[in-house]
Amino acid sequence: MIMALLFVYITAQQKKVDSFLQNEANGTKIIGSKSLEELVSKLKRPKKIMMLVKAGQGVDDMIGQLRGLLEPGDIIIDGGNSEYKDTTRREKECSDLGLLYVGTGVSGGEQGARKGPSLMPGGNHLAWPHIAPIFHSISAKVDGESCCD
């Protein structure tokens, strides 16, 4: 299964987002959003939000913004290579709110961008059935098989 929609949320770069949507994304299933609230409202339940935010306070800040927009059973995926102790803490905090949190290591550099990254998810196991198709579709492949399971 491949993600049907990619939502773009970049507050400081709206002109770039608009240009991307009119050009590269034209004719695709990519949809842009002008606010986090709008982005979250477009997602189907369970909502799956993958953050690519630099590890640290920014991740906590984004989770804080998402808390009021998500419902129990929704999923937050942190793809910012956070410290495992932070991932453990965030998983507990989100679990207390009924949210499913998954911290994901992402590596591969330029080759990962071209051929699929190495993905190392860990967190609430209840999220896996919902996010596995996404991870399998974007991860590196060997002999046609996903390197993420």
Protein backbone atom coordinates (compact mmCIF):
# COMPACT_ATOMS: atom_id res chain seq x y z
CA MET A 1 0.00 0.00 0.00
CA ILE A 2 1.30 3.43 -0.91
CA MET A 3 0.20 6.57 0.88
CA ALA A 4 -2.63 8.11 -1.11
CA LEU A 5 -1.97 11.64 0.08
CA LEU A 6 1.01 13.67 1.18
CA PHE A 7 0.18 16.77 3.18
CA VAL A 8 2.58 19.70 3.12
CA TYR A 9 2.75 22.03 6.12
CA ILE A 10 5.48 24.66 6.02
CA THR A 11 4.59 27.98 7.64
CA ALA A 12 7.62 30.06 6.66
CA GLN A 13 7.83 28.78 3.09
CA GLN A 14 4.27 29.20 1.80
CA LYS A 15 5.38 30.58 -1.59
CA LYS A 16 7.56 27.51 -2.13
CA VAL A 17 4.69 25.23 -1.13
CA ASP A 18 2.29 27.01 -3.48
CA SER A 19 4.82 26.78 -6.34
CA PHE A 20 5.43 23.08 -5.62
CA LEU A 21 1.69 22.34 -5.60
CA GLN A 22 1.15 24.20 -8.89
CA ASN A 23 4.15 22.60 -10.63
CA GLU A 24 5.72 19.36 -9.39
CA ALA A 25 2.61 18.15 -7.56
CA ASN A 26 0.17 19.11 -10.31
CA GLY A 27 -1.82 16.04 -11.32
CA THR A 28 -0.71 14.02 -8.27
CA LYS A 29 -2.50 13.14 -5.04
CA ILE A 30 -0.44 15.65 -3.04
CA ILE A 31 -2.52 18.16 -1.10
CA GLY A 32 -1.18 21.26 0.64
CA SER A 33 -2.40 22.79 3.88
CA LYS A 34 -1.94 26.32 5.16
CA SER A 35 -2.21 25.42 8.85
CA LEU A 36 -1.62 22.48 11.13
CA GLU A 37 -5.33 22.47 11.97
CA GLU A 38 -6.26 22.24 8.29
CA LEU A 39 -3.73 19.48 7.70
CA VAL A 40 -5.01 17.36 10.60
CA SER A 41 -8.63 17.89 9.57
CA LYS A 42 -7.89 16.33 6.14
CA LEU A 43 -6.61 13.05 7.57
CA LYS A 44 -8.71 9.92 8.00
CA ARG A 45 -8.79 8.09 11.34
CA PRO A 46 -6.68 6.81 12.74
CA LYS A 47 -4.78 9.92 11.77
CA LYS A 48 -1.10 9.34 11.08
CA ILE A 49 1.26 12.30 11.44
CA MET A 50 4.92 11.79 10.55
CA MET A 51 7.14 14.57 11.82
CA LEU A 52 10.57 15.22 10.39
CA VAL A 53 11.64 17.72 13.03
CA LYS A 54 15.19 18.07 14.37
CA ALA A 55 15.53 16.00 17.54
CA GLY A 56 15.07 17.91 20.78
CA GLN A 57 12.65 20.53 22.08
CA GLY A 58 11.12 21.09 18.63
CA VAL A 59 9.67 17.57 18.71
CA ASP A 60 8.10 18.19 22.12
CA ASP A 61 6.73 21.53 20.90
CA MET A 62 5.14 19.90 17.83
CA ILE A 63 3.62 17.13 19.94
CA GLY A 64 2.20 19.85 22.19
CA GLN A 65 0.53 21.48 19.18
CA LEU A 66 -0.83 18.14 17.96
CA ARG A 67 -2.30 17.03 21.31
CA GLY A 68 -5.31 19.29 21.00
CA LEU A 69 -5.96 18.25 17.40
CA LEU A 70 -5.71 14.47 17.68
CA GLU A 71 -8.02 11.88 19.22
CA PRO A 72 -7.32 8.63 21.07
CA GLY A 73 -5.99 6.04 18.63
CA ASP A 74 -4.32 8.59 16.37
CA ILE A 75 -0.62 8.07 15.64
CA ILE A 76 2.41 10.36 15.88
CA ILE A 77 5.58 9.20 14.12
CA ASP A 78 8.83 11.01 14.98
CA GLY A 79 11.28 10.62 12.11
CA GLY A 80 13.87 12.99 13.59
CA ASN A 81 16.28 10.40 15.05
CA SER A 82 15.44 11.34 18.64
CA GLU A 83 17.40 10.05 21.63
CA TYR A 84 15.86 6.76 22.77
CA LYS A 85 15.22 8.11 26.29
CA ASP A 86 13.16 10.94 24.77
CA THR A 87 11.28 8.42 22.62
CA THR A 88 10.47 6.32 25.71
CA ARG A 89 9.26 9.41 27.60
CA ARG A 90 7.16 10.67 24.69
CA GLU A 91 5.62 7.25 24.11
CA LYS A 92 4.43 7.20 27.74
CA GLU A 93 3.15 10.78 27.65
CA CYS A 94 1.24 10.14 24.42
CA SER A 95 -0.07 6.80 25.68
CA ASP A 96 -1.51 8.56 28.75
CA LEU A 97 -3.55 10.66 26.28
CA GLY A 98 -4.60 7.65 24.20
CA LEU A 99 -2.24 8.57 21.34
CA LEU A 100 0.11 6.05 19.74
CA TYR A 101 3.71 7.28 19.46
CA VAL A 102 6.45 5.75 17.33
CA GLY A 103 10.03 7.01 17.26
CA THR A 104 11.79 6.16 14.01
CA GLY A 105 15.45 6.23 13.18
CA VAL A 106 16.02 7.17 9.53
CA SER A 107 19.34 6.69 7.79
CA GLY A 108 20.70 6.32 4.31
CA GLY A 109 21.81 9.77 3.23
CA GLU A 110 21.76 10.45 -0.50
CA GLN A 111 21.33 6.78 -1.41
CA GLY A 112 18.47 6.48 1.07
CA ALA A 113 16.76 9.43 -0.57
CA ARG A 114 17.11 7.79 -3.98
CA LYS A 115 16.60 4.10 -3.18
CA GLY A 116 14.75 4.13 0.12
CA PRO A 117 16.03 4.78 3.63
CA SER A 118 16.81 2.37 6.41
CA LEU A 119 13.93 2.77 8.87
CA MET A 120 14.14 1.70 12.51
CA PRO A 121 10.74 2.22 14.19
CA GLY A 122 10.09 1.65 17.86
CA GLY A 123 7.27 2.62 20.18
CA ASN A 124 3.66 1.66 20.72
CA HIS A 125 3.15 -1.71 19.02
CA LEU A 126 -0.54 -0.97 18.42
CA ALA A 127 0.48 1.57 15.77
CA TRP A 128 2.37 -0.94 13.61
CA PRO A 129 -0.59 -2.46 11.71
CA HIS A 130 -1.61 1.07 10.68
CA ILE A 131 1.83 2.35 9.67
CA ALA A 132 3.51 -0.80 8.31
CA PRO A 133 2.18 -0.25 4.76
CA ILE A 134 3.65 3.26 4.74
CA PHE A 135 7.02 2.09 6.05
CA HIS A 136 7.17 -0.85 3.63
CA SER A 137 6.40 1.41 0.67
CA ILE A 138 9.19 3.92 1.41
CA SER A 139 11.93 1.73 2.94
CA ALA A 140 14.96 0.36 1.14
CA LYS A 141 14.38 -2.89 -0.77
CA VAL A 142 16.58 -5.95 -1.33
CA ASP A 143 15.47 -8.37 -4.03
CA GLY A 144 12.16 -6.52 -4.10
CA GLU A 145 11.50 -7.05 -0.38
CA SER A 146 11.13 -4.24 2.15
CA CYS A 147 13.98 -3.85 4.64
CA CYS A 148 11.58 -2.75 7.36
CA ASP A 149 9.56 -5.26 9.34
